[in-house]
């Protein structure tokens, strides 16, 4: 991700101010955006990089997975 401002916070207060500013800008953008926003724009505004390759799991893949630990009676452990 390219950075437009080369600012590295040196204290916790500076880091907080930087993050608070990003969140405030992001919130303002979300409120005023008429259409759906992209995850790329969200990542850019909040200052993180998206993974280069993502695999999307389909709903049919979830059928075989147990989301809860179950004992043999089917009760949640």
PDB file of N, CA and C in Angstrom:
ATOM      1  N   UNK A   1       0.843  -1.171   0.000  1.00  0.00           N
ATOM      2  CA  UNK A   1       0.000   0.000   0.000  1.00  0.00           C
ATOM      3  C   UNK A   1       0.886   1.232   0.000  1.00  0.00           C
ATOM      4  N   UNK A   2       0.583   2.158  -0.855  1.00  0.00           N
ATOM      5  CA  UNK A   2       1.376   3.375  -0.894  1.00  0.00           C
ATOM      6  C   UNK A   2       0.862   4.357   0.151  1.00  0.00           C
ATOM      7  N   UNK A   3       1.779   5.063   0.755  1.00  0.00           N
ATOM      8  CA  UNK A   3       1.414   6.048   1.771  1.00  0.00           C
ATOM      9  C   UNK A   3       1.620   7.430   1.196  1.00  0.00           C
ATOM     10  N   UNK A   4       0.680   8.308   1.459  1.00  0.00           N
ATOM     11  CA  UNK A   4       0.784   9.667   0.967  1.00  0.00           C
ATOM     12  C   UNK A   4       1.502  10.559   1.961  1.00  0.00           C
ATOM     13  N   UNK A   5       1.398  10.216   3.229  1.00  0.00           N
ATOM     14  CA  UNK A   5       2.057  10.995   4.272  1.00  0.00           C
ATOM     15  C   UNK A   5       3.033  10.079   4.989  1.00  0.00           C
ATOM     16  N   UNK A   6       4.272  10.465   5.048  1.00  0.00           N
ATOM     17  CA  UNK A   6       5.277   9.676   5.741  1.00  0.00           C
ATOM     18  C   UNK A   6       5.366  10.132   7.186  1.00  0.00           C
ATOM     19  N   UNK A   7       4.432   9.694   7.993  1.00  0.00           N
ATOM     20  CA  UNK A   7       4.422  10.055   9.408  1.00  0.00           C
ATOM     21  C   UNK A   7       4.461   8.783  10.224  1.00  0.00           C
ATOM     22  N   UNK A   8       5.445   8.681  11.096  1.00  0.00           N
ATOM     23  CA  UNK A   8       5.552   7.531  11.981  1.00  0.00           C
ATOM     24  C   UNK A   8       5.366   8.028  13.406  1.00  0.00           C
ATOM     25  N   UNK A   9       4.280   7.595  14.061  1.00  0.00           N
ATOM     26  CA  UNK A   9       4.050   8.049  15.433  1.00  0.00           C
ATOM     27  C   UNK A   9       5.172   7.574  16.356  1.00  0.00           C
ATOM     28  N   UNK A  10       5.608   8.475  17.222  1.00  0.00           N
ATOM     29  CA  UNK A  10       6.696   8.145  18.138  1.00  0.00           C
ATOM     30  C   UNK A  10       6.215   7.868  19.553  1.00  0.00           C
ATOM     31  N   UNK A  11       5.008   8.294  19.874  1.00  0.00           N
ATOM     32  CA  UNK A  11       4.464   8.060  21.208  1.00  0.00           C
ATOM     33  C   UNK A  11       3.083   7.433  21.071  1.00  0.00           C
ATOM     34  N   UNK A  12       2.585   6.906  22.178  1.00  0.00           N
ATOM     35  CA  UNK A  12       1.248   6.320  22.174  1.00  0.00           C
ATOM     36  C   UNK A  12       0.201   7.381  21.868  1.00  0.00           C
ATOM     37  N   UNK A  13       0.412   8.593  22.336  1.00  0.00           N
ATOM     38  CA  UNK A  13      -0.534   9.680  22.071  1.00  0.00           C
ATOM     39  C   UNK A  13      -0.601  10.005  20.582  1.00  0.00           C
ATOM     40  N   UNK A  14       0.554  10.026  19.924  1.00  0.00           N
ATOM     41  CA  UNK A  14       0.585  10.298  18.490  1.00  0.00           C
ATOM     42  C   UNK A  14      -0.088   9.167  17.713  1.00  0.00           C
ATOM     43  N   UNK A  15       0.144   7.939  18.130  1.00  0.00           N
ATOM     44  CA  UNK A  15      -0.469   6.799  17.463  1.00  0.00           C
ATOM     45  C   UNK A  15      -1.991   6.835  17.645  1.00  0.00           C
ATOM     46  N   UNK A  16      -2.431   7.174  18.849  1.00  0.00           N
ATOM     47  CA  UNK A  16      -3.871   7.296  19.102  1.00  0.00           C
ATOM     48  C   UNK A  16      -4.479   8.381  18.210  1.00  0.00           C
ATOM     49  N   UNK A  17      -3.821   9.520  18.124  1.00  0.00           N
ATOM     50  CA  UNK A  17      -4.341  10.622  17.300  1.00  0.00           C
ATOM     51  C   UNK A  17      -4.442  10.204  15.834  1.00  0.00           C
ATOM     52  N   UNK A  18      -3.442   9.498  15.346  1.00  0.00           N
ATOM     53  CA  UNK A  18      -3.452   9.023  13.963  1.00  0.00           C
ATOM     54  C   UNK A  18      -4.612   8.057  13.732  1.00  0.00           C
ATOM     55  N   UNK A  19      -4.778   7.101  14.622  1.00  0.00           N
ATOM     56  CA  UNK A  19      -5.849   6.119  14.468  1.00  0.00           C
ATOM     57  C   UNK A  19      -7.229   6.753  14.636  1.00  0.00           C
ATOM     58  N   UNK A  20      -7.355   7.662  15.590  1.00  0.00           N
ATOM     59  CA  UNK A  20      -8.632   8.343  15.793  1.00  0.00           C
ATOM     60  C   UNK A  20      -9.008   9.147  14.549  1.00  0.00           C
ATOM     61  N   UNK A  21      -8.041   9.788  13.931  1.00  0.00           N
ATOM     62  CA  UNK A  21      -8.289  10.535  12.706  1.00  0.00           C
ATOM     63  C   UNK A  21      -8.730   9.639  11.570  1.00  0.00           C
ATOM     64  N   UNK A  22      -8.093   8.482  11.444  1.00  0.00           N
ATOM     65  CA  UNK A  22      -8.483   7.539  10.389  1.00  0.00           C
ATOM     66  C   UNK A  22      -9.901   7.034  10.602  1.00  0.00           C
ATOM     67  N   UNK A  23     -10.230   6.689  11.835  1.00  0.00           N
ATOM     68  CA  UNK A  23     -11.566   6.174  12.123  1.00  0.00           C
ATOM     69  C   UNK A  23     -12.616   7.253  11.881  1.00  0.00           C
ATOM     70  N   UNK A  24     -12.318   8.472  12.283  1.00  0.00           N
ATOM     71  CA  UNK A  24     -13.246   9.587  12.061  1.00  0.00           C
ATOM     72  C   UNK A  24     -13.462   9.831  10.561  1.00  0.00           C
ATOM     73  N   UNK A  25     -12.400   9.804   9.780  1.00  0.00           N
ATOM     74  CA  UNK A  25     -12.509   9.978   8.334  1.00  0.00           C
ATOM     75  C   UNK A  25     -13.296   8.828   7.708  1.00  0.00           C
ATOM     76  N   UNK A  26     -13.035   7.627   8.165  1.00  0.00           N
ATOM     77  CA  UNK A  26     -13.738   6.459   7.647  1.00  0.00           C
ATOM     78  C   UNK A  26     -15.227   6.539   7.969  1.00  0.00           C
ATOM     79  N   UNK A  27     -15.566   6.896   9.199  1.00  0.00           N
ATOM     80  CA  UNK A  27     -16.968   7.009   9.594  1.00  0.00           C
ATOM     81  C   UNK A  27     -17.680   8.059   8.744  1.00  0.00           C
ATOM     82  N   UNK A  28     -17.030   9.173   8.512  1.00  0.00           N
ATOM     83  CA  UNK A  28     -17.612  10.235   7.695  1.00  0.00           C
ATOM     84  C   UNK A  28     -17.832   9.756   6.261  1.00  0.00           C
ATOM     85  N   UNK A  29     -16.878   9.029   5.733  1.00  0.00           N
ATOM     86  CA  UNK A  29     -17.005   8.484   4.375  1.00  0.00           C
ATOM     87  C   UNK A  29     -18.185   7.521   4.284  1.00  0.00           C
ATOM     88  N   UNK A  30     -18.307   6.616   5.256  1.00  0.00           N
ATOM     89  CA  UNK A  30     -19.374   5.623   5.238  1.00  0.00           C
ATOM     90  C   UNK A  30     -20.746   6.306   5.306  1.00  0.00           C
ATOM     91  N   UNK A  31     -20.871   7.308   6.154  1.00  0.00           N
ATOM     92  CA  UNK A  31     -22.145   8.007   6.303  1.00  0.00           C
ATOM     93  C   UNK A  31     -22.553   8.707   5.013  1.00  0.00           C
ATOM     94  N   UNK A  32     -21.602   9.275   4.304  1.00  0.00           N
ATOM     95  CA  UNK A  32     -21.930  10.074   3.122  1.00  0.00           C
ATOM     96  C   UNK A  32     -21.900   9.306   1.804  1.00  0.00           C
ATOM     97  N   UNK A  33     -21.394   8.087   1.806  1.00  0.00           N
ATOM     98  CA  UNK A  33     -21.316   7.307   0.571  1.00  0.00           C
ATOM     99  C   UNK A  33     -22.703   6.780   0.217  1.00  0.00           C
ATOM    100  N   UNK A  34     -23.131   7.055  -1.000  1.00  0.00           N
ATOM    101  CA  UNK A  34     -24.464   6.668  -1.427  1.00  0.00           C
ATOM    102  C   UNK A  34     -24.556   5.173  -1.730  1.00  0.00           C
ATOM    103  N   UNK A  35     -23.485   4.606  -2.250  1.00  0.00           N
ATOM    104  CA  UNK A  35     -23.497   3.215  -2.677  1.00  0.00           C
ATOM    105  C   UNK A  35     -22.629   2.370  -1.760  1.00  0.00           C
ATOM    106  N   UNK A  36     -22.638   1.092  -1.998  1.00  0.00           N
ATOM    107  CA  UNK A  36     -21.829   0.156  -1.228  1.00  0.00           C
ATOM    108  C   UNK A  36     -20.344   0.510  -1.383  1.00  0.00           C
ATOM    109  N   UNK A  37     -19.575   0.293  -0.340  1.00  0.00           N
ATOM    110  CA  UNK A  37     -18.150   0.623  -0.403  1.00  0.00           C
ATOM    111  C   UNK A  37     -17.328  -0.652  -0.545  1.00  0.00           C
ATOM    112  N   UNK A  38     -16.186  -0.527  -1.182  1.00  0.00           N
ATOM    113  CA  UNK A  38     -15.340  -1.694  -1.424  1.00  0.00           C
ATOM    114  C   UNK A  38     -14.423  -1.958  -0.243  1.00  0.00           C
ATOM    115  N   UNK A  39     -14.041  -3.206  -0.097  1.00  0.00           N
ATOM    116  CA  UNK A  39     -13.113  -3.544   0.980  1.00  0.00           C
ATOM    117  C   UNK A  39     -11.741  -2.934   0.715  1.00  0.00           C
ATOM    118  N   UNK A  40     -11.407  -2.708  -0.544  1.00  0.00           N
ATOM    119  CA  UNK A  40     -10.137  -2.067  -0.858  1.00  0.00           C
ATOM    120  C   UNK A  40     -10.109  -0.633  -0.327  1.00  0.00           C
ATOM    121  N   UNK A  41     -11.229   0.079  -0.492  1.00  0.00           N
ATOM    122  CA  UNK A  41     -11.310   1.447   0.016  1.00  0.00           C
ATOM    123  C   UNK A  41     -11.265   1.449   1.547  1.00  0.00           C
ATOM    124  N   UNK A  42     -11.950   0.524   2.168  1.00  0.00           N
ATOM    125  CA  UNK A  42     -11.927   0.427   3.635  1.00  0.00           C
ATOM    126  C   UNK A  42     -10.505   0.191   4.140  1.00  0.00           C
ATOM    127  N   UNK A  43      -9.799  -0.732   3.505  1.00  0.00           N
ATOM    128  CA  UNK A  43      -8.426  -1.034   3.914  1.00  0.00           C
ATOM    129  C   UNK A  43      -7.519   0.175   3.719  1.00  0.00           C
ATOM    130  N   UNK A  44      -7.697   0.874   2.618  1.00  0.00           N
ATOM    131  CA  UNK A  44      -6.865   2.048   2.346  1.00  0.00           C
ATOM    132  C   UNK A  44      -7.109   3.147   3.372  1.00  0.00           C
ATOM    133  N   UNK A  45      -8.372   3.375   3.718  1.00  0.00           N
ATOM    134  CA  UNK A  45      -8.686   4.446   4.657  1.00  0.00           C
ATOM    135  C   UNK A  45      -8.237   4.120   6.078  1.00  0.00           C
ATOM    136  N   UNK A  46      -8.312   2.840   6.457  1.00  0.00           N
ATOM    137  CA  UNK A  46      -7.922   2.459   7.809  1.00  0.00           C
ATOM    138  C   UNK A  46      -6.448   2.100   7.920  1.00  0.00           C
ATOM    139  N   UNK A  47      -5.770   1.982   6.786  1.00  0.00           N
ATOM    140  CA  UNK A  47      -4.324   1.808   6.799  1.00  0.00           C
ATOM    141  C   UNK A  47      -3.833   0.391   6.969  1.00  0.00           C
ATOM    142  N   UNK A  48      -4.541  -0.574   6.381  1.00  0.00           N
ATOM    143  CA  UNK A  48      -4.028  -1.941   6.417  1.00  0.00           C
ATOM    144  C   UNK A  48      -4.093  -2.539   5.022  1.00  0.00           C
ATOM    145  N   UNK A  49      -3.327  -3.600   4.828  1.00  0.00           N
ATOM    146  CA  UNK A  49      -3.287  -4.258   3.530  1.00  0.00           C
ATOM    147  C   UNK A  49      -4.171  -5.488   3.550  1.00  0.00           C
ATOM    148  N   UNK A  50      -4.854  -5.721   2.450  1.00  0.00           N
ATOM    149  CA  UNK A  50      -5.647  -6.931   2.303  1.00  0.00           C
ATOM    150  C   UNK A  50      -4.737  -8.080   1.890  1.00  0.00           C
ATOM    151  N   UNK A  51      -5.076  -9.299   2.269  1.00  0.00           N
ATOM    152  CA  UNK A  51      -4.299 -10.441   1.785  1.00  0.00           C
ATOM    153  C   UNK A  51      -4.348 -10.480   0.258  1.00  0.00           C
ATOM    154  N   UNK A  52      -3.274 -10.920  -0.360  1.00  0.00           N
ATOM    155  CA  UNK A  52      -3.217 -10.912  -1.820  1.00  0.00           C
ATOM    156  C   UNK A  52      -4.150 -11.938  -2.431  1.00  0.00           C
ATOM    157  N   UNK A  53      -4.338 -13.065  -1.778  1.00  0.00           N
ATOM    158  CA  UNK A  53      -5.219 -14.092  -2.319  1.00  0.00           C
ATOM    159  C   UNK A  53      -6.162 -14.544  -1.227  1.00  0.00           C
ATOM    160  N   UNK A  54      -7.446 -14.481  -1.515  1.00  0.00           N
ATOM    161  CA  UNK A  54      -8.440 -14.931  -0.554  1.00  0.00           C
ATOM    162  C   UNK A  54      -9.298 -16.001  -1.195  1.00  0.00           C
ATOM    163  N   UNK A  55      -9.572 -17.045  -0.437  1.00  0.00           N
ATOM    164  CA  UNK A  55     -10.485 -18.064  -0.925  1.00  0.00           C
ATOM    165  C   UNK A  55     -11.816 -17.866  -0.221  1.00  0.00           C
ATOM    166  N   UNK A  56     -12.860 -17.858  -1.000  1.00  0.00           N
ATOM    167  CA  UNK A  56     -14.198 -17.675  -0.449  1.00  0.00           C
ATOM    168  C   UNK A  56     -14.826 -19.050  -0.295  1.00  0.00           C
ATOM    169  N   UNK A  57     -15.313 -19.307   0.896  1.00  0.00           N
ATOM    170  CA  UNK A  57     -15.904 -20.597   1.199  1.00  0.00           C
ATOM    171  C   UNK A  57     -17.390 -20.543   0.857  1.00  0.00           C
ATOM    172  N   UNK A  58     -17.861 -21.519   0.113  1.00  0.00           N
ATOM    173  CA  UNK A  58     -19.277 -21.536  -0.229  1.00  0.00           C
ATOM    174  C   UNK A  58     -20.081 -22.125   0.919  1.00  0.00           C
ATOM    175  N   UNK A  59     -21.383 -21.870   0.914  1.00  0.00           N
ATOM    176  CA  UNK A  59     -22.233 -22.369   1.987  1.00  0.00           C
ATOM    177  C   UNK A  59     -22.274 -23.886   2.012  1.00  0.00           C
ATOM    178  N   UNK A  60     -22.131 -24.535   0.865  1.00  0.00           N
ATOM    179  CA  UNK A  60     -22.172 -25.993   0.823  1.00  0.00           C
ATOM    180  C   UNK A  60     -20.974 -26.596   1.552  1.00  0.00           C
ATOM    181  N   UNK A  61     -19.860 -25.867   1.641  1.00  0.00           N
ATOM    182  CA  UNK A  61     -18.689 -26.360   2.360  1.00  0.00           C
ATOM    183  C   UNK A  61     -18.933 -26.402   3.857  1.00  0.00           C
ATOM    184  N   UNK A  62     -19.860 -25.590   4.361  1.00  0.00           N
ATOM    185  CA  UNK A  62     -20.104 -25.501   5.792  1.00  0.00           C
ATOM    186  C   UNK A  62     -20.947 -26.654   6.324  1.00  0.00           C
ATOM    187  N   UNK A  63     -21.624 -27.385   5.469  1.00  0.00           N
ATOM    188  CA  UNK A  63     -22.546 -28.417   5.919  1.00  0.00           C
ATOM    189  C   UNK A  63     -21.846 -29.519   6.697  1.00  0.00           C
ATOM    190  N   UNK A  64     -20.620 -29.837   6.336  1.00  0.00           N
ATOM    191  CA  UNK A  64     -19.921 -30.931   6.985  1.00  0.00           C
ATOM    192  C   UNK A  64     -19.180 -30.505   8.240  1.00  0.00           C
ATOM    193  N   UNK A  65     -19.070 -29.216   8.481  1.00  0.00           N
ATOM    194  CA  UNK A  65     -18.338 -28.738   9.644  1.00  0.00           C
ATOM    195  C   UNK A  65     -19.236 -28.634  10.848  1.00  0.00           C
ATOM    196  N   UNK A  66     -18.705 -28.980  12.018  1.00  0.00           N
ATOM    197  CA  UNK A  66     -19.413 -28.791  13.270  1.00  0.00           C
ATOM    198  C   UNK A  66     -18.971 -27.475  13.861  1.00  0.00           C
ATOM    199  N   UNK A  67     -19.915 -26.578  14.071  1.00  0.00           N
ATOM    200  CA  UNK A  67     -19.569 -25.278  14.632  1.00  0.00           C
ATOM    201  C   UNK A  67     -19.492 -25.331  16.150  1.00  0.00           C
ATOM    202  N   UNK A  68     -20.040 -26.390  16.748  1.00  0.00           N
ATOM    203  CA  UNK A  68     -20.003 -26.537  18.197  1.00  0.00           C
ATOM    204  C   UNK A  68     -19.411 -27.897  18.520  1.00  0.00           C
ATOM    205  N   UNK A  69     -18.772 -27.972  19.656  1.00  0.00           N
ATOM    206  CA  UNK A  69     -18.296 -29.276  20.124  1.00  0.00           C
ATOM    207  C   UNK A  69     -19.495 -30.034  20.663  1.00  0.00           C
ATOM    208  N   UNK A  70     -19.749 -31.178  20.114  1.00  0.00           N
ATOM    209  CA  UNK A  70     -20.888 -31.961  20.550  1.00  0.00           C
ATOM    210  C   UNK A  70     -20.393 -33.303  21.064  1.00  0.00           C
ATOM    211  N   UNK A  71     -21.046 -33.794  22.143  1.00  0.00           N
ATOM    212  CA  UNK A  71     -20.723 -35.133  22.595  1.00  0.00           C
ATOM    213  C   UNK A  71     -21.588 -36.113  21.799  1.00  0.00           C
ATOM    214  N   UNK A  72     -21.534 -37.377  22.135  1.00  0.00           N
ATOM    215  CA  UNK A  72     -22.232 -38.371  21.325  1.00  0.00           C
ATOM    216  C   UNK A  72     -23.738 -38.264  21.412  1.00  0.00           C
ATOM    217  N   UNK A  73     -24.281 -37.645  22.446  1.00  0.00           N
ATOM    218  CA  UNK A  73     -25.738 -37.489  22.563  1.00  0.00           C
ATOM    219  C   UNK A  73     -26.244 -36.313  21.743  1.00  0.00           C
ATOM    220  N   UNK A  74     -25.340 -35.556  21.143  1.00  0.00           N
ATOM    221  CA  UNK A  74     -25.729 -34.381  20.384  1.00  0.00           C
ATOM    222  C   UNK A  74     -25.834 -33.119  21.220  1.00  0.00           C
ATOM    223  N   UNK A  75     -25.515 -33.239  22.515  1.00  0.00           N
ATOM    224  CA  UNK A  75     -25.552 -32.070  23.386  1.00  0.00           C
ATOM    225  C   UNK A  75     -24.284 -31.267  23.215  1.00  0.00           C
ATOM    226  N   UNK A  76     -24.403 -29.984  23.416  1.00  0.00           N
ATOM    227  CA  UNK A  76     -23.230 -29.123  23.346  1.00  0.00           C
ATOM    228  C   UNK A  76     -22.389 -29.346  24.587  1.00  0.00           C
ATOM    229  N   UNK A  77     -21.126 -29.616  24.393  1.00  0.00           N
ATOM    230  CA  UNK A  77     -20.219 -29.921  25.517  1.00  0.00           C
ATOM    231  C   UNK A  77     -19.861 -28.690  26.299  1.00  0.00           C
TER     232      UNK A  77
END
